[in-house]
Amino acid sequence: MNRVESQELVRSYQTGEITRRDFLKTATILFGSMTAANTLLAACAVPVAETPRPVVDATQPAAEPGMTSEGDLVSGIVTYPGPENQELMGYLTYEDDGQAKPAVIVIQEWWGLNEHIKDVANRFAQAGFVALAPDLYNGVATTEPDEARKLSMELGMRDAVGEIQSAIAYLQAQDFVTGKAGVVGFCMGGGLVLQTAANDDAGRVGAAIPFYGSPLSAADARRVQAPVLSFLGSADRIPASGYESMHAIFDEDGVPNEFVLYDGAQHAFFNDTRASYDAEAAADAWARAVAWFREYLS
């Protein structure tokens, strides 16, 4: 990329003509590196035509690619190819004991790839899976609801599903991974789990576990073939009726499924960093999720 092209890209982002996501996509293609793209993004500072937006969580900086060992776990940021020659990245973690293991894709909440999601991925690794949490926001995480809403709107369902499919393909190409992949996600990620299962034309998804995400329409539910285990709290803003209708279609189509509704649990009951955390519901859901993946990914 020459200087003129670089300046024009920066100007377009600063004046609001393109989104952060489009900026990173273009810069990654032109520079050939997501690290370089993130460096240029950081240099853009605050767009001149906007008031300052909420600051992203300073405890969640974009990490450089690289794996480290801690105890039995090998973990770190990896990069892999995505749609339209993008370079994608995510948090990979597994026990390096020489044994191939089933793959699990862990999809973030709308806050981004933060320490909570990495911790969930680590827990799946300790349970005997190879876990990869795609970084759908390209190194950005936030604690501000308005910023999270903006990031999730910029993401777009079609782009997100494509990136999740790329993450699955990357994992399945590794010699320490076996079979089809499980996909689990929370809030925004729960909805993306279902969308990924409904758009699994390649048959890569072996099991799906959405935690309190948007349920599928009847038409999309008819396209799902992977076993689905869904979790929702009765005090969630998402009506249980949507999940009940979706699972009724799974029953009609002979798709293995289960819907668990926790009495009194709120939205994000599994997230132990938030006030909505419900320890009893979370512990039960965790045990069921691990058992589900062990049954359908073995």
C-alpha atoms as a PDB file:
ATOM      1  CA  MET A   1       0.000   0.000   0.000  1.00  0.00           C
ATOM      2  CA  ASN A   2       1.506   3.367  -0.916  1.00  0.00           C
ATOM      3  CA  ARG A   3       1.242   6.510   1.187  1.00  0.00           C
ATOM      4  CA  VAL A   4      -1.670   8.001  -0.785  1.00  0.00           C
ATOM      5  CA  GLU A   5      -3.760   4.829  -0.433  1.00  0.00           C
ATOM      6  CA  SER A   6      -2.975   4.640   3.273  1.00  0.00           C
ATOM      7  CA  GLN A   7      -4.002   8.258   3.846  1.00  0.00           C
ATOM      8  CA  GLU A   8      -7.239   7.801   1.895  1.00  0.00           C
ATOM      9  CA  LEU A   9      -8.151   4.711   3.915  1.00  0.00           C
ATOM     10  CA  VAL A  10      -7.488   6.552   7.182  1.00  0.00           C
ATOM     11  CA  ARG A  11      -9.509   9.569   6.005  1.00  0.00           C
ATOM     12  CA  SER A  12     -12.459   7.362   5.033  1.00  0.00           C
ATOM     13  CA  TYR A  13     -12.481   5.772   8.478  1.00  0.00           C
ATOM     14  CA  GLN A  14     -12.053   9.033  10.383  1.00  0.00           C
ATOM     15  CA  THR A  15     -14.910  10.729   8.525  1.00  0.00           C
ATOM     16  CA  GLY A  16     -17.240   7.793   9.055  1.00  0.00           C
ATOM     17  CA  GLU A  17     -17.432   6.685   5.409  1.00  0.00           C
ATOM     18  CA  ILE A  18     -16.396   3.144   6.340  1.00  0.00           C
ATOM     19  CA  THR A  19     -16.780   1.124   9.534  1.00  0.00           C
ATOM     20  CA  ARG A  20     -13.963  -0.135  11.744  1.00  0.00           C
ATOM     21  CA  ARG A  21     -14.614  -3.617  10.415  1.00  0.00           C
ATOM     22  CA  ASP A  22     -14.343  -2.531   6.760  1.00  0.00           C
ATOM     23  CA  PHE A  23     -11.211  -0.552   7.596  1.00  0.00           C
ATOM     24  CA  LEU A  24      -9.534  -3.614   9.124  1.00  0.00           C
ATOM     25  CA  LYS A  25     -10.668  -5.864   6.280  1.00  0.00           C
ATOM     26  CA  THR A  26      -9.234  -3.535   3.623  1.00  0.00           C
ATOM     27  CA  ALA A  27      -6.031  -2.805   5.525  1.00  0.00           C
ATOM     28  CA  THR A  28      -5.411  -6.509   6.180  1.00  0.00           C
ATOM     29  CA  ILE A  29      -5.760  -7.333   2.489  1.00  0.00           C
ATOM     30  CA  LEU A  30      -3.536  -4.474   1.383  1.00  0.00           C
ATOM     31  CA  PHE A  31      -0.888  -4.856   4.075  1.00  0.00           C
ATOM     32  CA  GLY A  32      -1.098  -8.648   4.133  1.00  0.00           C
ATOM     33  CA  SER A  33      -1.175  -8.687   7.934  1.00  0.00           C
ATOM     34  CA  MET A  34      -3.849  -8.203  10.593  1.00  0.00           C
ATOM     35  CA  THR A  35      -1.161  -7.001  13.011  1.00  0.00           C
ATOM     36  CA  ALA A  36      -0.201  -4.199  10.622  1.00  0.00           C
ATOM     37  CA  ALA A  37      -3.873  -3.360  10.071  1.00  0.00           C
ATOM     38  CA  ASN A  38      -4.469  -3.073  13.829  1.00  0.00           C
ATOM     39  CA  THR A  39      -1.366  -0.895  14.163  1.00  0.00           C
ATOM     40  CA  LEU A  40      -2.705   1.505  11.535  1.00  0.00           C
ATOM     41  CA  LEU A  41      -6.131   1.500  13.195  1.00  0.00           C
ATOM     42  CA  ALA A  42      -4.565   2.456  16.530  1.00  0.00           C
ATOM     43  CA  ALA A  43      -2.746   5.311  14.808  1.00  0.00           C
ATOM     44  CA  CYS A  44      -6.026   6.724  13.503  1.00  0.00           C
ATOM     45  CA  ALA A  45      -6.985   7.979  16.971  1.00  0.00           C
ATOM     46  CA  VAL A  46     -10.507   9.389  17.391  1.00  0.00           C
ATOM     47  CA  PRO A  47     -12.367  10.199  14.125  1.00  0.00           C
ATOM     48  CA  VAL A  48     -12.306  13.937  13.625  1.00  0.00           C
ATOM     49  CA  ALA A  49     -15.971  14.151  12.657  1.00  0.00           C
ATOM     50  CA  GLU A  50     -17.203  12.313  15.770  1.00  0.00           C
ATOM     51  CA  THR A  51     -17.342  12.931  19.490  1.00  0.00           C
ATOM     52  CA  PRO A  52     -15.186  10.465  21.392  1.00  0.00           C
ATOM     53  CA  ARG A  53     -16.758   7.033  21.651  1.00  0.00           C
ATOM     54  CA  PRO A  54     -16.574   4.917  24.834  1.00  0.00           C
ATOM     55  CA  VAL A  55     -13.051   3.676  25.390  1.00  0.00           C
ATOM     56  CA  VAL A  56     -12.548  -0.021  24.783  1.00  0.00           C
ATOM     57  CA  ASP A  57     -11.631  -2.092  27.799  1.00  0.00           C
ATOM     58  CA  ALA A  58      -7.966  -1.335  28.417  1.00  0.00           C
ATOM     59  CA  THR A  59      -7.504  -4.744  30.059  1.00  0.00           C
ATOM     60  CA  GLN A  60      -8.263  -6.471  26.745  1.00  0.00           C
ATOM     61  CA  PRO A  61      -5.593  -5.283  24.272  1.00  0.00           C
ATOM     62  CA  ALA A  62      -5.179  -6.955  20.923  1.00  0.00           C
ATOM     63  CA  ALA A  63      -2.691  -9.776  21.434  1.00  0.00           C
ATOM     64  CA  GLU A  64       0.135 -10.689  19.123  1.00  0.00           C
ATOM     65  CA  PRO A  65      -0.093 -14.180  17.619  1.00  0.00           C
ATOM     66  CA  GLY A  66       1.808 -16.821  19.549  1.00  0.00           C
ATOM     67  CA  MET A  67       1.259 -19.907  21.712  1.00  0.00           C
ATOM     68  CA  THR A  68       2.468 -20.416  25.277  1.00  0.00           C
ATOM     69  CA  SER A  69       2.336 -23.324  27.720  1.00  0.00           C
ATOM     70  CA  GLU A  70       0.912 -23.031  31.223  1.00  0.00           C
ATOM     71  CA  GLY A  71       0.486 -26.234  33.158  1.00  0.00           C
ATOM     72  CA  ASP A  72      -1.171 -28.786  30.892  1.00  0.00           C
ATOM     73  CA  LEU A  73      -2.582 -26.176  28.509  1.00  0.00           C
ATOM     74  CA  VAL A  74      -1.100 -24.763  25.333  1.00  0.00           C
ATOM     75  CA  SER A  75      -2.902 -21.540  24.420  1.00  0.00           C
ATOM     76  CA  GLY A  76      -2.585 -18.251  22.601  1.00  0.00           C
ATOM     77  CA  ILE A  77      -3.626 -16.169  19.613  1.00  0.00           C
ATOM     78  CA  VAL A  78      -3.471 -17.845  16.199  1.00  0.00           C
ATOM     79  CA  THR A  79      -4.167 -16.502  12.729  1.00  0.00           C
ATOM     80  CA  TYR A  80      -5.854 -18.321   9.875  1.00  0.00           C
ATOM     81  CA  PRO A  81      -7.328 -17.529   6.436  1.00  0.00           C
ATOM     82  CA  GLY A  82     -10.867 -16.250   6.121  1.00  0.00           C
ATOM     83  CA  PRO A  83     -13.275 -15.143   3.389  1.00  0.00           C
ATOM     84  CA  GLU A  84     -12.014 -12.733   0.722  1.00  0.00           C
ATOM     85  CA  ASN A  85      -8.358 -13.287   1.640  1.00  0.00           C
ATOM     86  CA  GLN A  86      -8.826 -11.888   5.132  1.00  0.00           C
ATOM     87  CA  GLU A  87      -6.447 -12.858   7.886  1.00  0.00           C
ATOM     88  CA  LEU A  88      -8.544 -13.845  10.881  1.00  0.00           C
ATOM     89  CA  MET A  89      -7.451 -14.517  14.426  1.00  0.00           C
ATOM     90  CA  GLY A  90      -8.721 -16.270  17.509  1.00  0.00           C
ATOM     91  CA  TYR A  91      -7.775 -17.733  20.878  1.00  0.00           C
ATOM     92  CA  LEU A  92      -6.722 -21.399  20.621  1.00  0.00           C
ATOM     93  CA  THR A  93      -6.313 -23.651  23.654  1.00  0.00           C
ATOM     94  CA  TYR A  94      -5.833 -27.395  24.211  1.00  0.00           C
ATOM     95  CA  GLU A  95      -4.041 -29.967  26.336  1.00  0.00           C
ATOM     96  CA  ASP A  96      -0.858 -31.032  24.561  1.00  0.00           C
ATOM     97  CA  ASP A  97      -0.781 -34.705  25.520  1.00  0.00           C
ATOM     98  CA  GLY A  98      -0.191 -36.112  22.052  1.00  0.00           C
ATOM     99  CA  GLN A  99      -3.803 -37.212  21.640  1.00  0.00           C
ATOM    100  CA  ALA A 100      -6.134 -35.886  18.930  1.00  0.00           C
ATOM    101  CA  LYS A 101      -9.331 -34.393  20.357  1.00  0.00           C
ATOM    102  CA  PRO A 102     -12.738 -33.105  19.195  1.00  0.00           C
ATOM    103  CA  ALA A 103     -12.965 -29.434  18.210  1.00  0.00           C
ATOM    104  CA  VAL A 104     -15.146 -26.828  19.914  1.00  0.00           C
ATOM    105  CA  ILE A 105     -15.693 -23.286  18.604  1.00  0.00           C
ATOM    106  CA  VAL A 106     -16.540 -20.823  21.406  1.00  0.00           C
ATOM    107  CA  ILE A 107     -18.442 -17.741  20.206  1.00  0.00           C
ATOM    108  CA  GLN A 108     -18.155 -14.496  22.155  1.00  0.00           C
ATOM    109  CA  GLU A 109     -20.850 -12.330  23.682  1.00  0.00           C
ATOM    110  CA  TRP A 110     -21.266  -8.866  22.194  1.00  0.00           C
ATOM    111  CA  TRP A 111     -18.490  -7.586  24.504  1.00  0.00           C
ATOM    112  CA  GLY A 112     -15.822  -9.219  22.315  1.00  0.00           C
ATOM    113  CA  LEU A 113     -13.114 -11.800  22.888  1.00  0.00           C
ATOM    114  CA  ASN A 114     -12.448 -10.959  26.542  1.00  0.00           C
ATOM    115  CA  GLU A 115     -10.935 -12.902  29.448  1.00  0.00           C
ATOM    116  CA  HIS A 116     -14.270 -14.524  30.302  1.00  0.00           C
ATOM    117  CA  ILE A 117     -14.587 -16.094  26.855  1.00  0.00           C
ATOM    118  CA  LYS A 118     -10.948 -17.191  26.965  1.00  0.00           C
ATOM    119  CA  ASP A 119     -11.635 -18.782  30.349  1.00  0.00           C
ATOM    120  CA  VAL A 120     -14.617 -20.677  28.916  1.00  0.00           C
ATOM    121  CA  ALA A 121     -12.396 -21.899  26.068  1.00  0.00           C
ATOM    122  CA  ASN A 122      -9.790 -23.019  28.607  1.00  0.00           C
ATOM    123  CA  ARG A 123     -12.451 -24.942  30.505  1.00  0.00           C
ATOM    124  CA  PHE A 124     -13.418 -26.810  27.349  1.00  0.00           C
ATOM    125  CA  ALA A 125      -9.737 -27.574  26.742  1.00  0.00           C
ATOM    126  CA  GLN A 126      -9.427 -28.965  30.259  1.00  0.00           C
ATOM    127  CA  ALA A 127     -12.518 -31.088  29.582  1.00  0.00           C
ATOM    128  CA  GLY A 128     -10.762 -32.785  26.668  1.00  0.00           C
ATOM    129  CA  PHE A 129     -11.499 -30.618  23.630  1.00  0.00           C
ATOM    130  CA  VAL A 130      -9.474 -28.384  21.331  1.00  0.00           C
ATOM    131  CA  ALA A 131     -11.148 -24.994  21.719  1.00  0.00           C
ATOM    132  CA  LEU A 132     -10.935 -21.972  19.444  1.00  0.00           C
ATOM    133  CA  ALA A 133     -12.656 -18.668  20.191  1.00  0.00           C
ATOM    134  CA  PRO A 134     -12.722 -16.562  16.990  1.00  0.00           C
ATOM    135  CA  ASP A 135     -12.007 -12.873  17.535  1.00  0.00           C
ATOM    136  CA  LEU A 136     -14.965 -11.465  15.629  1.00  0.00           C
ATOM    137  CA  TYR A 137     -14.087  -7.869  16.535  1.00  0.00           C
ATOM    138  CA  ASN A 138     -10.468  -8.042  15.330  1.00  0.00           C
ATOM    139  CA  GLY A 139      -8.737  -7.301  18.617  1.00  0.00           C
ATOM    140  CA  VAL A 140     -11.371  -5.016  20.150  1.00  0.00           C
ATOM    141  CA  ALA A 141     -13.223  -5.760  23.386  1.00  0.00           C
ATOM    142  CA  THR A 142     -15.347  -3.396  25.440  1.00  0.00           C
ATOM    143  CA  THR A 143     -17.276  -3.105  28.688  1.00  0.00           C
ATOM    144  CA  GLU A 144     -19.535  -0.309  27.396  1.00  0.00           C
ATOM    145  CA  PRO A 145     -23.022  -1.420  26.222  1.00  0.00           C
ATOM    146  CA  ASP A 146     -23.267   1.321  23.568  1.00  0.00           C
ATOM    147  CA  GLU A 147     -19.907   0.373  22.097  1.00  0.00           C
ATOM    148  CA  ALA A 148     -20.801  -3.317  22.221  1.00  0.00           C
ATOM    149  CA  ARG A 149     -24.045  -2.597  20.373  1.00  0.00           C
ATOM    150  CA  LYS A 150     -22.156  -0.654  17.688  1.00  0.00           C
ATOM    151  CA  LEU A 151     -19.561  -3.398  17.278  1.00  0.00           C
ATOM    152  CA  SER A 152     -22.200  -6.101  16.975  1.00  0.00           C
ATOM    153  CA  MET A 153     -24.146  -4.091  14.395  1.00  0.00           C
ATOM    154  CA  GLU A 154     -20.990  -3.528  12.348  1.00  0.00           C
ATOM    155  CA  LEU A 155     -20.265  -7.249  12.422  1.00  0.00           C
ATOM    156  CA  GLY A 156     -23.247  -8.506  10.435  1.00  0.00           C
ATOM    157  CA  MET A 157     -24.610 -12.052  10.616  1.00  0.00           C
ATOM    158  CA  ARG A 158     -23.394 -13.152   7.195  1.00  0.00           C
ATOM    159  CA  ASP A 159     -19.819 -12.003   7.815  1.00  0.00           C
ATOM    160  CA  ALA A 160     -19.772 -13.539  11.283  1.00  0.00           C
ATOM    161  CA  VAL A 161     -21.031 -16.926  10.097  1.00  0.00           C
ATOM    162  CA  GLY A 162     -18.412 -16.909   7.336  1.00  0.00           C
ATOM    163  CA  GLU A 163     -15.680 -16.242   9.886  1.00  0.00           C
ATOM    164  CA  ILE A 164     -16.969 -18.986  12.176  1.00  0.00           C
ATOM    165  CA  GLN A 165     -16.974 -21.406   9.254  1.00  0.00           C
ATOM    166  CA  SER A 166     -13.356 -20.424   8.545  1.00  0.00           C
ATOM    167  CA  ALA A 167     -12.475 -21.101  12.178  1.00  0.00           C
ATOM    168  CA  ILE A 168     -14.065 -24.552  11.944  1.00  0.00           C
ATOM    169  CA  ALA A 169     -12.165 -25.322   8.736  1.00  0.00           C
ATOM    170  CA  TYR A 170      -8.906 -24.182  10.343  1.00  0.00           C
ATOM    171  CA  LEU A 171      -9.389 -26.418  13.382  1.00  0.00           C
ATOM    172  CA  GLN A 172     -10.408 -29.436  11.346  1.00  0.00           C
ATOM    173  CA  ALA A 173      -7.212 -29.104   9.294  1.00  0.00           C
ATOM    174  CA  GLN A 174      -5.042 -29.595  12.402  1.00  0.00           C
ATOM    175  CA  ASP A 175      -3.584 -33.056  13.009  1.00  0.00           C
ATOM    176  CA  PHE A 176      -4.503 -32.871  16.710  1.00  0.00           C
ATOM    177  CA  VAL A 177      -8.233 -32.459  15.963  1.00  0.00           C
ATOM    178  CA  THR A 178     -10.763 -35.181  15.166  1.00  0.00           C
ATOM    179  CA  GLY A 179     -14.163 -35.246  13.462  1.00  0.00           C
ATOM    180  CA  LYS A 180     -16.800 -32.559  13.210  1.00  0.00           C
ATOM    181  CA  ALA A 181     -16.775 -29.439  15.378  1.00  0.00           C
ATOM    182  CA  GLY A 182     -19.035 -28.426  18.205  1.00  0.00           C
ATOM    183  CA  VAL A 183     -20.161 -24.805  18.312  1.00  0.00           C
ATOM    184  CA  VAL A 184     -21.162 -23.038  21.534  1.00  0.00           C
ATOM    185  CA  GLY A 185     -21.919 -19.370  22.096  1.00  0.00           C
ATOM    186  CA  PHE A 186     -23.443 -16.873  24.476  1.00  0.00           C
ATOM    187  CA  CYS A 187     -25.919 -14.021  23.891  1.00  0.00           C
ATOM    188  CA  MET A 188     -24.909 -12.680  20.448  1.00  0.00           C
ATOM    189  CA  GLY A 189     -22.758 -15.789  20.145  1.00  0.00           C
ATOM    190  CA  GLY A 190     -25.726 -18.024  20.945  1.00  0.00           C
ATOM    191  CA  GLY A 191     -27.625 -16.627  18.006  1.00  0.00           C
ATOM    192  CA  LEU A 192     -24.572 -17.089  15.798  1.00  0.00           C
ATOM    193  CA  VAL A 193     -24.321 -20.721  16.885  1.00  0.00           C
ATOM    194  CA  LEU A 194     -27.822 -21.324  15.548  1.00  0.00           C
ATOM    195  CA  GLN A 195     -27.158 -19.380  12.346  1.00  0.00           C
ATOM    196  CA  THR A 196     -23.974 -21.380  11.787  1.00  0.00           C
ATOM    197  CA  ALA A 197     -25.871 -24.642  12.243  1.00  0.00           C
ATOM    198  CA  ALA A 198     -28.585 -23.474   9.840  1.00  0.00           C
ATOM    199  CA  ASN A 199     -25.982 -22.554   7.186  1.00  0.00           C
ATOM    200  CA  ASP A 200     -23.810 -25.641   7.538  1.00  0.00           C
ATOM    201  CA  ASP A 201     -23.906 -26.702   3.896  1.00  0.00           C
ATOM    202  CA  ALA A 202     -20.513 -28.406   4.236  1.00  0.00           C
ATOM    203  CA  GLY A 203     -21.713 -30.571   7.119  1.00  0.00           C
ATOM    204  CA  ARG A 204     -18.880 -29.511   9.455  1.00  0.00           C
ATOM    205  CA  VAL A 205     -20.978 -28.902  12.589  1.00  0.00           C
ATOM    206  CA  GLY A 206     -21.376 -31.974  14.763  1.00  0.00           C
ATOM    207  CA  ALA A 207     -23.305 -30.364  17.643  1.00  0.00           C
ATOM    208  CA  ALA A 208     -24.581 -26.902  18.588  1.00  0.00           C
ATOM    209  CA  ILE A 209     -25.148 -25.317  21.997  1.00  0.00           C
ATOM    210  CA  PRO A 210     -26.696 -21.820  22.092  1.00  0.00           C
ATOM    211  CA  PHE A 211     -26.869 -20.012  25.431  1.00  0.00           C
ATOM    212  CA  TYR A 212     -29.654 -17.395  25.404  1.00  0.00           C
ATOM    213  CA  GLY A 213     -29.239 -16.263  21.778  1.00  0.00           C
ATOM    214  CA  SER A 214     -31.929 -15.294  19.304  1.00  0.00           C
ATOM    215  CA  PRO A 215     -33.850 -18.413  18.207  1.00  0.00           C
ATOM    216  CA  LEU A 216     -34.189 -19.327  14.545  1.00  0.00           C
ATOM    217  CA  SER A 217     -37.144 -18.655  12.320  1.00  0.00           C
ATOM    218  CA  ALA A 218     -39.158 -21.703  11.292  1.00  0.00           C
ATOM    219  CA  ALA A 219     -37.570 -21.700   7.828  1.00  0.00           C
ATOM    220  CA  ASP A 220     -34.034 -21.587   9.219  1.00  0.00           C
ATOM    221  CA  ALA A 221     -34.805 -24.198  11.883  1.00  0.00           C
ATOM    222  CA  ARG A 222     -35.786 -26.608   9.104  1.00  0.00           C
ATOM    223  CA  ARG A 223     -32.234 -26.384   7.735  1.00  0.00           C
ATOM    224  CA  VAL A 224     -30.515 -27.538  10.931  1.00  0.00           C
ATOM    225  CA  GLN A 225     -29.153 -31.082  10.987  1.00  0.00           C
ATOM    226  CA  ALA A 226     -26.732 -30.974  13.931  1.00  0.00           C
ATOM    227  CA  PRO A 227     -27.963 -31.914  17.434  1.00  0.00           C
ATOM    228  CA  VAL A 228     -28.945 -28.772  19.378  1.00  0.00           C
ATOM    229  CA  LEU A 229     -28.900 -28.202  23.138  1.00  0.00           C
ATOM    230  CA  SER A 230     -30.342 -24.797  24.123  1.00  0.00           C
ATOM    231  CA  PHE A 231     -30.188 -22.927  27.442  1.00  0.00           C
ATOM    232  CA  LEU A 232     -32.369 -20.029  28.573  1.00  0.00           C
ATOM    233  CA  GLY A 233     -33.428 -18.456  31.858  1.00  0.00           C
ATOM    234  CA  SER A 234     -37.095 -17.841  32.616  1.00  0.00           C
ATOM    235  CA  ALA A 235     -36.247 -14.227  33.589  1.00  0.00           C
ATOM    236  CA  ASP A 236     -34.485 -13.560  30.272  1.00  0.00           C
ATOM    237  CA  ARG A 237     -35.821 -10.865  27.953  1.00  0.00           C
ATOM    238  CA  ILE A 238     -35.902 -13.537  25.220  1.00  0.00           C
ATOM    239  CA  PRO A 239     -39.302 -15.293  25.371  1.00  0.00           C
ATOM    240  CA  ALA A 240     -39.136 -19.040  25.943  1.00  0.00           C
ATOM    241  CA  SER A 241     -41.873 -19.482  23.324  1.00  0.00           C
ATOM    242  CA  GLY A 242     -39.380 -18.818  20.520  1.00  0.00           C
ATOM    243  CA  TYR A 243     -37.153 -21.634  21.705  1.00  0.00           C
ATOM    244  CA  GLU A 244     -40.102 -23.942  22.273  1.00  0.00           C
ATOM    245  CA  SER A 245     -41.293 -23.400  18.684  1.00  0.00           C
ATOM    246  CA  MET A 246     -37.793 -23.935  17.299  1.00  0.00           C
ATOM    247  CA  HIS A 247     -37.273 -27.158  19.234  1.00  0.00           C
ATOM    248  CA  ALA A 248     -40.712 -28.403  18.186  1.00  0.00           C
ATOM    249  CA  ILE A 249     -39.495 -28.174  14.583  1.00  0.00           C
ATOM    250  CA  PHE A 250     -36.336 -30.090  15.517  1.00  0.00           C
ATOM    251  CA  ASP A 251     -38.589 -32.791  16.987  1.00  0.00           C
ATOM    252  CA  GLU A 252     -40.668 -32.945  13.816  1.00  0.00           C
ATOM    253  CA  ASP A 253     -37.530 -33.248  11.676  1.00  0.00           C
ATOM    254  CA  GLY A 254     -35.921 -35.903  13.847  1.00  0.00           C
ATOM    255  CA  VAL A 255     -32.992 -33.676  14.906  1.00  0.00           C
ATOM    256  CA  PRO A 256     -31.651 -34.662  18.351  1.00  0.00           C
ATOM    257  CA  ASN A 257     -32.351 -31.738  20.651  1.00  0.00           C
ATOM    258  CA  GLU A 258     -32.997 -30.556  24.166  1.00  0.00           C
ATOM    259  CA  PHE A 259     -34.199 -27.232  25.582  1.00  0.00           C
ATOM    260  CA  VAL A 260     -33.396 -26.402  29.204  1.00  0.00           C
ATOM    261  CA  LEU A 261     -35.217 -23.475  30.853  1.00  0.00           C
ATOM    262  CA  TYR A 262     -33.848 -22.416  34.253  1.00  0.00           C
ATOM    263  CA  ASP A 263     -36.459 -21.020  36.609  1.00  0.00           C
ATOM    264  CA  GLY A 264     -35.578 -17.487  37.721  1.00  0.00           C
ATOM    265  CA  ALA A 265     -32.296 -17.275  35.780  1.00  0.00           C
ATOM    266  CA  GLN A 266     -31.570 -14.046  33.948  1.00  0.00           C
ATOM    267  CA  HIS A 267     -29.900 -13.261  30.663  1.00  0.00           C
ATOM    268  CA  ALA A 268     -26.154 -14.060  30.790  1.00  0.00           C
ATOM    269  CA  PHE A 269     -26.644 -16.383  33.750  1.00  0.00           C
ATOM    270  CA  PHE A 270     -23.500 -18.303  32.713  1.00  0.00           C
ATOM    271  CA  ASN A 271     -21.169 -15.279  32.817  1.00  0.00           C
ATOM    272  CA  ASP A 272     -19.486 -15.331  36.231  1.00  0.00           C
ATOM    273  CA  THR A 273     -18.151 -11.786  35.773  1.00  0.00           C
ATOM    274  CA  ARG A 274     -21.605 -10.183  35.754  1.00  0.00           C
ATOM    275  CA  ALA A 275     -24.322  -9.579  38.326  1.00  0.00           C
ATOM    276  CA  SER A 276     -26.712 -11.828  36.369  1.00  0.00           C
ATOM    277  CA  TYR A 277     -24.553 -14.896  37.127  1.00  0.00           C
ATOM    278  CA  ASP A 278     -26.523 -17.839  38.518  1.00  0.00           C
ATOM    279  CA  ALA A 279     -24.073 -20.359  39.963  1.00  0.00           C
ATOM    280  CA  GLU A 280     -26.536 -23.251  40.181  1.00  0.00           C
ATOM    281  CA  ALA A 281     -27.882 -22.833  36.645  1.00  0.00           C
ATOM    282  CA  ALA A 282     -24.376 -22.273  35.259  1.00  0.00           C
ATOM    283  CA  ALA A 283     -22.996 -25.421  36.884  1.00  0.00           C
ATOM    284  CA  ASP A 284     -25.855 -27.542  35.573  1.00  0.00           C
ATOM    285  CA  ALA A 285     -25.574 -26.063  32.071  1.00  0.00           C
ATOM    286  CA  TRP A 286     -21.813 -26.653  32.012  1.00  0.00           C
ATOM    287  CA  ALA A 287     -22.196 -30.327  32.911  1.00  0.00           C
ATOM    288  CA  ARG A 288     -24.889 -30.778  30.269  1.00  0.00           C
ATOM    289  CA  ALA A 289     -22.842 -28.946  27.607  1.00  0.00           C
ATOM    290  CA  VAL A 290     -19.738 -31.066  28.147  1.00  0.00           C
ATOM    291  CA  ALA A 291     -21.817 -34.248  28.099  1.00  0.00           C
ATOM    292  CA  TRP A 292     -23.571 -33.135  24.887  1.00  0.00           C
ATOM    293  CA  PHE A 293     -20.313 -32.514  23.062  1.00  0.00           C
ATOM    294  CA  ARG A 294     -18.819 -35.768  24.341  1.00  0.00           C
ATOM    295  CA  GLU A 295     -21.826 -37.675  23.072  1.00  0.00           C
ATOM    296  CA  TYR A 296     -22.074 -36.132  19.613  1.00  0.00           C
ATOM    297  CA  LEU A 297     -18.442 -35.290  18.816  1.00  0.00           C
ATOM    298  CA  SER A 298     -16.843 -38.576  19.848  1.00  0.00           C
END
